[in-house]
Protein backbone atom coordinates (compact mmCIF):
# COMPACT_ATOMS: atom_id res chain seq x y z
CA MET A 1 175.13 83.79 126.58
CA ARG A 2 176.51 81.83 123.67
CA LYS A 3 180.57 82.00 122.98
CA LEU A 4 181.27 83.44 119.45
CA PRO A 5 183.52 81.94 116.87
CA PRO A 6 186.81 83.60 117.45
CA VAL A 7 187.01 84.83 113.65
CA LEU A 8 183.50 85.83 113.48
CA LEU A 9 183.54 87.86 116.66
CA ALA A 10 186.96 89.43 115.56
CA PHE A 11 185.42 90.32 112.21
CA VAL A 12 182.44 91.93 113.69
CA LEU A 13 184.43 93.99 116.15
CA MET A 14 187.11 95.16 114.04
CA THR A 15 184.76 96.38 111.20
CA THR A 16 182.63 98.49 113.24
CA SER A 17 183.90 102.13 113.84
CA CYS A 18 185.53 103.63 115.89
CA ALA A 19 166.56 124.32 128.55
CA ASP A 20 165.32 122.80 131.75
CA SER A 21 162.78 120.35 130.76
CA ARG A 22 161.22 118.01 133.32
CA GLU A 23 158.86 115.53 131.82
CA GLY A 24 157.67 112.66 134.08
CA PRO A 25 159.68 111.73 137.46
CA ALA A 26 163.04 113.32 137.29
CA ARG A 27 164.43 110.78 139.66
CA THR A 28 164.14 107.06 138.98
CA SER A 29 166.37 104.43 140.66
CA PRO A 30 167.62 100.80 139.96
CA PRO A 31 166.21 98.12 142.27
CA GLU A 32 167.93 97.91 145.81
CA ALA A 33 170.92 95.75 146.44
CA SER A 34 173.15 95.05 149.33
CA SER A 35 176.09 93.01 148.19
CA GLY A 36 178.17 91.75 145.11
CA ARG A 37 180.92 92.76 142.56
CA ILE A 38 180.69 93.50 138.87
CA GLU A 39 183.29 94.47 136.36
CA VAL A 40 183.06 97.27 134.00
CA MET A 41 184.97 98.22 130.89
CA ALA A 42 185.28 101.49 129.16
CA GLY A 43 187.57 103.69 126.74
CA TRP A 44 187.60 106.48 129.13
CA THR A 45 190.96 107.36 130.59
CA GLY A 46 192.43 110.45 132.55
CA ASP A 47 190.03 112.91 133.82
CA GLU A 48 187.27 110.93 132.09
CA ALA A 49 188.06 107.94 133.86
CA ALA A 50 188.36 109.55 137.22
CA ALA A 51 185.01 111.25 136.87
CA PHE A 52 183.28 107.96 135.76
CA ARG A 53 184.72 106.22 139.08
CA GLN A 54 183.00 108.96 141.19
CA VAL A 55 179.72 107.89 139.34
CA LEU A 56 180.51 104.30 140.01
CA ALA A 57 181.36 105.14 143.83
CA GLY A 58 177.75 106.70 143.79
CA PHE A 59 176.36 103.51 142.58
CA THR A 60 178.16 101.41 145.21
CA GLN A 61 176.95 103.81 148.03
CA LYS A 62 173.36 103.28 146.89
CA THR A 63 173.35 99.62 146.12
CA GLY A 64 176.29 98.12 148.08
CA ILE A 65 177.72 96.55 144.84
CA ASN A 66 181.34 97.12 144.27
CA VAL A 67 182.54 97.75 140.92
CA ASP A 68 186.02 96.95 139.13
CA PHE A 69 186.61 99.49 136.47
CA GLU A 70 188.93 98.66 133.70
CA SER A 71 189.97 101.90 131.64
CA VAL A 72 191.04 100.58 128.24
CA GLN A 73 193.36 103.52 126.86
CA GLN A 74 192.89 102.11 123.29
CA ASP A 75 191.30 99.52 121.07
CA LEU A 76 188.67 98.46 123.17
CA PRO A 77 186.73 96.56 120.57
CA THR A 78 189.78 94.26 120.02
CA ILE A 79 190.20 93.81 123.95
CA LEU A 80 186.49 93.00 124.34
CA SER A 81 186.60 90.85 121.66
CA SER A 82 189.32 88.81 123.33
CA ARG A 83 187.21 88.64 126.66
CA VAL A 84 184.25 87.65 125.02
CA ASP A 85 185.60 84.95 122.77
CA GLY A 86 187.67 83.51 126.03
CA GLY A 87 184.30 83.14 127.78
CA ASP A 88 185.22 85.86 130.57
CA PRO A 89 183.43 89.19 129.37
CA PRO A 90 182.95 91.99 131.67
CA ASP A 91 179.47 92.29 133.15
CA VAL A 92 179.14 95.94 131.62
CA ALA A 93 180.98 97.52 128.64
CA VAL A 94 180.74 101.10 127.59
CA LEU A 95 180.79 101.52 123.76
CA ALA A 96 181.39 104.37 121.41
CA GLN A 97 179.47 103.12 118.46
CA PRO A 98 175.80 102.23 118.13
CA GLY A 99 177.01 100.06 115.27
CA LEU A 100 178.93 97.85 117.43
CA LEU A 101 176.06 97.54 119.74
CA LYS A 102 173.70 96.22 116.90
CA GLU A 103 176.21 93.98 115.69
CA LEU A 104 176.80 92.28 119.01
CA ALA A 105 173.01 92.33 120.01
CA THR A 106 172.45 90.56 116.45
CA LEU A 107 174.91 87.91 117.23
CA GLY A 108 173.48 87.21 120.76
CA VAL A 109 176.50 88.73 122.87
CA LEU A 110 174.18 91.32 124.64
CA VAL A 111 171.57 90.95 127.39
CA PRO A 112 168.59 92.98 126.57
CA VAL A 113 167.74 95.78 129.22
CA GLU A 114 164.04 96.16 128.54
CA SER A 115 163.17 95.28 132.11
CA PRO A 116 163.83 97.28 134.21
CA VAL A 117 165.32 99.82 132.40
CA SER A 118 162.83 100.73 129.87
CA SER A 119 160.94 102.92 131.81
CA SER A 120 163.66 105.16 133.09
CA VAL A 121 164.94 105.48 129.41
CA ASP A 122 161.47 106.41 128.14
CA GLN A 123 161.08 108.85 131.22
CA ASN A 124 164.45 110.46 130.79
CA TYR A 125 165.65 110.42 127.20
CA ALA A 126 164.08 111.62 123.75
CA PRO A 127 163.06 108.61 121.79
CA VAL A 128 166.07 109.03 119.28
CA TRP A 129 168.38 107.70 122.03
CA ARG A 130 166.26 104.56 122.70
CA ASP A 131 166.44 103.84 118.82
CA LEU A 132 170.07 104.28 118.66
CA ALA A 133 170.29 101.55 121.62
CA SER A 134 167.66 99.16 120.21
CA VAL A 135 167.59 96.38 117.75
CA ASP A 136 164.45 94.93 116.10
CA GLY A 137 162.62 97.21 119.03
CA THR A 138 164.46 95.64 121.80
CA LEU A 139 166.54 97.90 124.04
CA TYR A 140 170.18 96.85 124.64
CA GLY A 141 171.87 99.81 126.30
CA VAL A 142 171.70 103.12 127.90
CA PHE A 143 173.62 106.19 126.47
CA PHE A 144 175.17 107.73 129.53
CA LYS A 145 177.68 110.25 128.06
CA GLY A 146 176.75 112.30 124.89
CA ALA A 147 178.68 114.58 122.65
CA ASN A 148 177.35 117.64 120.78
CA LYS A 149 179.12 118.14 117.57
CA SER A 150 177.19 121.05 116.32
CA THR A 151 179.09 123.61 118.22
CA VAL A 152 181.09 126.22 116.43
CA TRP A 153 183.61 128.33 118.64
CA TYR A 154 184.80 131.93 118.24
CA ASP A 155 187.04 134.57 119.78
CA VAL A 156 184.75 136.70 121.79
CA LYS A 157 187.03 139.80 121.72
CA VAL A 158 187.30 139.77 117.97
CA PHE A 159 183.75 139.67 117.56
CA GLU A 160 183.22 142.49 119.84
CA ALA A 161 185.85 144.50 118.40
CA HIS A 162 184.49 144.65 115.01
CA GLY A 163 180.73 144.79 116.12
CA LEU A 164 180.08 141.10 114.73
CA ALA A 165 177.41 138.82 116.00
CA PRO A 166 177.28 135.14 115.88
CA PRO A 167 175.20 133.97 112.67
CA LYS A 168 171.88 132.54 112.98
CA THR A 169 171.94 131.11 109.27
CA TRP A 170 174.35 129.59 106.97
CA ASP A 171 174.33 132.81 104.72
CA ASP A 172 174.90 135.01 107.89
CA TRP A 173 177.84 132.84 108.52
CA VAL A 174 179.29 133.09 104.71
CA ALA A 175 178.83 136.98 105.25
CA LEU A 176 180.51 137.08 108.53
CA SER A 177 183.45 135.37 107.02
CA GLN A 178 183.71 137.86 104.08
CA GLU A 179 183.44 140.69 107.02
CA LEU A 180 186.32 139.29 108.91
CA LEU A 181 188.22 138.75 105.87
CA GLU A 182 187.87 142.52 105.02
CA ALA A 183 188.84 143.47 108.26
CA GLY A 184 192.24 141.62 107.87
CA ILE A 185 191.21 138.41 109.92
CA THR A 186 191.31 135.08 108.53
CA PRO A 187 187.80 133.67 109.21
CA ILE A 188 188.18 130.01 110.05
CA ALA A 189 190.91 127.49 111.32
CA VAL A 190 190.28 123.71 109.95
CA GLY A 191 191.81 120.72 111.45
CA GLY A 192 191.81 119.01 108.04
CA LYS A 193 194.66 116.59 109.16
CA ASP A 194 192.09 114.79 111.01
CA GLY A 195 189.75 113.31 108.43
CA TRP A 196 186.94 112.97 110.92
CA VAL A 197 186.86 116.78 111.48
CA LEU A 198 185.99 117.19 107.75
CA SER A 199 183.38 114.45 108.06
CA ASP A 200 181.80 116.24 110.74
CA TRP A 201 181.63 119.22 108.63
CA PHE A 202 179.84 117.31 106.22
CA GLU A 203 177.43 115.56 108.43
CA ASN A 204 176.21 119.08 109.87
CA VAL A 205 175.56 120.26 106.34
CA TYR A 206 174.26 117.30 105.07
CA LEU A 207 171.59 116.68 107.99
CA ARG A 208 170.44 120.35 107.35
CA THR A 209 170.26 120.41 103.47
CA ALA A 210 169.30 116.75 103.00
CA GLY A 211 167.09 116.06 106.09
CA PRO A 212 167.07 113.52 108.71
CA GLU A 213 165.43 110.74 106.49
CA LYS A 214 168.10 111.00 103.80
CA TYR A 215 170.86 111.06 106.32
CA ASP A 216 169.56 107.86 107.68
CA GLN A 217 169.42 106.42 104.01
CA LEU A 218 173.04 107.63 103.40
CA ALA A 219 174.25 105.95 106.80
CA LYS A 220 172.92 102.77 105.61
CA HIS A 221 173.99 102.94 102.04
CA GLU A 222 170.19 102.95 100.95
CA ILE A 223 171.21 105.81 98.71
CA PRO A 224 174.45 106.18 96.91
CA TRP A 225 177.26 108.70 97.64
CA THR A 226 176.92 109.94 94.00
CA ASP A 227 173.23 110.92 95.05
CA GLN A 228 172.63 114.87 94.04
CA SER A 229 172.11 115.17 97.97
CA VAL A 230 175.51 114.64 98.61
CA LYS A 231 176.94 116.58 95.85
CA GLU A 232 174.69 119.68 96.97
CA ALA A 233 176.20 119.34 100.57
CA LEU A 234 179.60 119.38 99.38
CA ALA A 235 178.94 122.44 97.26
CA ILE A 236 177.46 124.24 100.23
CA MET A 237 180.62 123.21 102.29
CA ALA A 238 182.83 124.91 99.40
CA GLU A 239 181.10 128.31 100.19
CA LEU A 240 182.91 128.25 103.54
CA ILE A 241 185.98 125.95 103.84
CA GLY A 242 186.41 125.73 99.97
CA VAL A 243 187.40 129.42 99.81
CA GLU A 244 191.12 129.62 99.85
CA ASP A 245 191.10 132.88 101.71
CA TYR A 246 188.48 131.97 104.22
CA VAL A 247 190.66 129.02 105.70
CA ALA A 248 193.81 129.77 107.88
CA ARG A 249 197.04 128.47 106.10
CA GLY A 250 195.06 127.79 102.95
CA LEU A 251 193.30 124.63 101.82
CA ASP A 252 196.50 122.72 101.17
CA GLY A 253 197.77 123.78 104.47
CA ALA A 254 194.85 122.93 106.47
CA THR A 255 195.40 119.31 105.63
CA ASP A 256 198.37 119.33 107.79
CA VAL A 257 196.69 121.08 110.84
CA ASP A 258 195.04 118.55 113.31
CA TRP A 259 192.06 119.38 115.28
CA ARG A 260 193.94 120.58 118.58
CA GLU A 261 196.29 122.94 116.63
CA SER A 262 193.14 124.31 114.88
CA VAL A 263 191.96 125.26 118.34
CA LYS A 264 195.14 127.01 119.27
CA MET A 265 195.24 128.68 116.04
CA VAL A 266 192.06 130.75 117.30
CA PHE A 267 192.64 130.94 121.01
CA SER A 268 196.22 131.20 121.37
CA ASP A 269 198.28 134.64 122.13
CA THR A 270 199.06 134.84 118.15
CA PRO A 271 195.72 133.89 116.73
CA GLU A 272 195.27 133.01 113.03
CA ALA A 273 191.69 132.83 112.66
CA ALA A 274 188.72 133.88 114.50
CA VAL A 275 186.40 130.83 114.48
CA VAL A 276 186.98 126.98 114.66
CA TYR A 277 184.41 124.31 114.58
CA GLU A 278 184.32 121.10 116.29
CA GLY A 279 182.29 119.40 119.05
CA ASP A 280 181.68 120.34 122.77
CA PHE A 281 185.12 118.89 123.89
CA VAL A 282 186.64 122.10 122.36
CA ALA A 283 185.85 123.91 125.49
CA GLY A 284 188.05 121.65 127.70
CA GLU A 285 190.78 121.80 124.93
CA ILE A 286 190.89 125.68 125.20
CA ILE A 287 190.66 125.91 128.82
CA SER A 288 193.42 123.48 129.20
CA GLU A 289 195.80 124.52 126.64
CA THR A 290 195.38 128.31 126.44
CA ASP A 291 194.64 131.24 128.71
CA ALA A 292 191.25 131.93 127.19
CA ARG A 293 188.22 131.74 129.33
CA PRO A 294 184.64 131.15 128.71
CA GLY A 295 182.33 133.85 128.20
CA THR A 296 185.07 136.53 128.32
CA ASP A 297 187.42 135.29 125.62
CA PHE A 298 185.63 132.33 124.06
CA ALA A 299 182.09 131.10 123.31
CA PHE A 300 180.23 129.12 120.86
CA PHE A 301 176.99 129.35 118.55
CA GLU A 302 175.26 126.54 117.28
CA TRP A 303 175.50 125.24 113.94
CA PRO A 304 173.40 127.56 111.76
CA SER A 305 170.23 126.82 109.99
CA ILE A 306 170.54 126.11 106.16
CA ASP A 307 167.50 127.27 103.89
CA GLY A 308 165.41 127.28 107.04
CA SER A 309 166.33 123.77 108.35
CA PRO A 310 165.12 123.25 111.98
CA ARG A 311 167.48 123.18 114.88
CA ALA A 312 169.52 119.98 114.66
CA VAL A 313 172.35 118.54 116.47
CA VAL A 314 175.02 115.88 115.19
CA GLY A 315 176.35 114.14 117.86
CA GLY A 316 178.02 111.09 119.43
CA GLY A 317 177.89 108.99 122.67
CA ASP A 318 178.80 106.24 124.84
CA VAL A 319 176.45 103.58 125.48
CA ALA A 320 176.55 101.15 128.52
CA VAL A 321 175.58 97.43 127.82
CA VAL A 322 175.21 94.20 129.74
CA LEU A 323 177.14 91.10 128.60
CA THR A 324 176.42 88.64 131.61
CA ASP A 325 173.55 87.61 133.60
CA HIS A 326 174.86 89.18 136.91
CA PRO A 327 172.11 91.00 138.44
CA GLY A 328 174.38 93.97 139.48
CA ALA A 329 175.07 94.77 135.83
CA MET A 330 171.55 95.49 135.12
CA GLN A 331 171.28 97.46 138.25
CA LEU A 332 174.27 99.55 136.99
CA VAL A 333 172.75 100.02 133.55
CA GLY A 334 169.76 101.11 135.24
CA TYR A 335 171.53 103.59 137.41
CA LEU A 336 173.25 104.98 134.50
CA ALA A 337 169.84 105.77 133.01
CA THR A 338 168.98 108.26 135.82
CA ALA A 339 169.51 111.95 136.22
CA GLU A 340 171.13 111.16 139.56
CA ALA A 341 174.15 109.28 138.12
CA ALA A 342 174.61 111.77 135.22
CA GLU A 343 174.58 114.81 137.49
CA ILE A 344 177.65 113.44 139.18
CA TRP A 345 179.70 113.87 136.35
CA ALA A 346 178.10 116.93 134.99
CA ALA A 347 179.02 118.74 137.94
CA LEU A 348 182.64 117.79 137.31
CA GLY A 349 182.66 119.36 133.91
CA GLY A 350 183.79 117.68 130.53
CA PHE A 351 180.36 116.03 130.13
CA SER A 352 177.34 116.41 128.25
CA SER A 353 174.20 114.12 129.18
CA PRO A 354 171.50 113.14 126.60
CA ASN A 355 169.25 112.56 129.63
CA LYS A 356 166.78 115.53 129.39
CA ASN A 357 165.87 115.31 133.22
CA VAL A 358 169.63 116.28 134.47
CA ASP A 359 169.30 119.72 136.14
CA PRO A 360 171.16 122.07 134.01
CA SER A 361 172.13 124.07 136.99
CA VAL A 362 174.68 121.43 137.91
CA TYR A 363 176.75 122.13 134.74
CA PRO A 364 179.84 123.99 136.18
CA ASP A 365 179.65 127.08 133.58
CA ASP A 366 177.11 128.77 131.26
CA ILE A 367 179.00 127.36 128.36
CA SER A 368 178.83 123.59 129.00
CA ARG A 369 175.36 124.13 130.24
CA ALA A 370 174.15 125.75 126.95
CA PHE A 371 175.70 122.77 124.73
CA ALA A 372 174.31 120.02 127.17
CA VAL A 373 170.93 121.33 127.26
CA ALA A 374 171.06 121.54 123.38
CA LEU A 375 172.05 118.14 122.97
CA ALA A 376 169.54 116.75 125.32
CA ASN A 377 166.57 118.89 123.84
CA ALA A 378 167.52 118.89 120.06
CA GLU A 379 164.47 118.96 117.83
CA VAL A 380 166.47 116.80 115.21
CA PHE A 381 169.44 114.62 116.42
CA ARG A 382 171.48 112.27 114.36
CA PHE A 383 174.49 110.11 115.53
CA ASP A 384 177.60 111.01 113.79
CA LEU A 385 177.36 109.15 110.49
CA SER A 386 181.00 107.77 110.30
CA ASP A 387 180.15 105.79 113.47
CA LEU A 388 177.30 104.28 112.01
CA VAL A 389 178.84 102.89 108.89
CA PRO A 390 181.71 100.16 108.71
CA ALA A 391 184.90 101.28 110.09
CA SER A 392 186.67 100.58 106.83
CA PHE A 393 184.53 103.30 105.24
CA GLY A 394 183.67 105.68 108.39
CA ALA A 395 186.74 105.55 110.36
CA THR A 396 189.92 104.66 108.73
CA PRO A 397 192.72 107.29 107.92
CA GLU A 398 193.16 108.21 104.48
CA ALA A 399 190.53 106.01 103.36
CA GLY A 400 186.70 106.28 102.88
CA ILE A 401 184.87 109.34 104.19
CA TRP A 402 188.01 110.58 106.03
CA GLY A 403 190.29 110.45 103.27
CA ARG A 404 187.96 111.25 100.24
CA LEU A 405 186.97 114.56 102.08
CA GLN A 406 190.49 115.59 102.57
CA ASP A 407 190.95 115.05 98.90
CA TRP A 408 187.99 117.27 98.31
CA LEU A 409 189.50 119.96 100.74
CA ASN A 410 192.25 120.25 98.47
CA ASN A 411 190.11 120.75 95.36
CA PRO A 412 186.56 121.61 96.41
CA ALA A 413 185.40 122.03 92.86
CA ASP A 414 185.95 118.45 92.15
CA ILE A 415 182.59 116.98 93.45
CA ASP A 416 181.77 114.50 90.80
CA GLU A 417 184.91 112.75 91.18
CA ILE A 418 184.94 112.66 94.97
CA SER A 419 181.50 111.41 95.27
CA ALA A 420 182.30 108.72 92.84
CA ARG A 421 185.14 107.58 94.74
CA LEU A 422 183.14 107.65 97.86
CA GLU A 423 180.47 105.63 96.22
CA THR A 424 183.09 102.97 95.21
CA GLU A 425 184.58 102.53 98.50
CA ALA A 426 181.09 102.58 100.17
CA GLU A 427 180.15 99.64 98.16
CA ALA A 428 183.22 97.83 99.07
CA ALA A 429 182.53 98.44 102.66
CA PHE A 430 178.95 97.59 102.51
CA GLY A 431 179.38 94.39 100.54
CA GLY A 432 178.29 95.65 97.20
């Protein structure tokens, strides 16, 4: 593997943002081994790091290969940059952004995993996950952990008390919000202080209104942010979170609420709203920070269809890549592509696998089982758009997508101005 010039590598790393289906063999395994030691770097900490260590222990037990795991609390791209530039990369790294994988593969930093991992990926994953981990048709990684970011969480007891049902369509959701308001309940808590929350709102609406092809074009800046499809998505968003009375603490107040506080605003002892949107990780936040319990106190509904759009999931994920020619590195990535490996973490909770052959029964409760199955079997799946674009546009506080959508929340009618500013910043980030 060639060593990258320090300035080039630093630039690349720092400008890339932060139902039971059993097709084919459900259990594939990496080649057998009996010795060796490899190093793995990932951004998981706390409970996530502890769970991943159990997965690695399963690999060691199966192959005899020991694994040194470096848990990086923050800024993994910078640390990885230093290690690669110094000629001492970890054998395997787990990346949170497909854009980073593509940049590193293009620069020759990564080892292709087509053989022997490819067949396992084809058996266990929907084609979109291979595409996300490929560059020019060559597979460079395996998505081990996924995230379903099309889950909307609600107070079960409030819905039951007022005879309300989870909406199936966007129009149903708007009508539900009006019913809640008329019952004296603020419909929605929005964590607008975290710009990525608003980005996730936009991505879910845009995928369903513009469709997956235009979603891809917008992510690549093949169409401008002044495109009518962007303006239409913002106008539809405004039907819910652009209505002052629908949003807890009002539109201005919502920009002072982070995502964790927005969750507590729905599920604490003194709730301020009935519904909050964010990804499947909300379940863990509810359980750890409130007394609410799954099914009895909280549940989720899938992001509703808009104008007849098919079921779709916007999500994220962590992809394991190989940076050295150590044979144990390839074996580990092969192992992570199996249902066997994913089921270790799935049973512990706080985990969704994109592997469609994971046995749903291993998830610890009905709610985590439901959002994980929805992720693995989505009819349409697209990766979080802000993770696919340059970080200066997609993942920088108060700038780009995050910052301009916060501006939009303060003035949802100002669509033309916001889309124009988005396009100006996109042009700068994409190089014109």
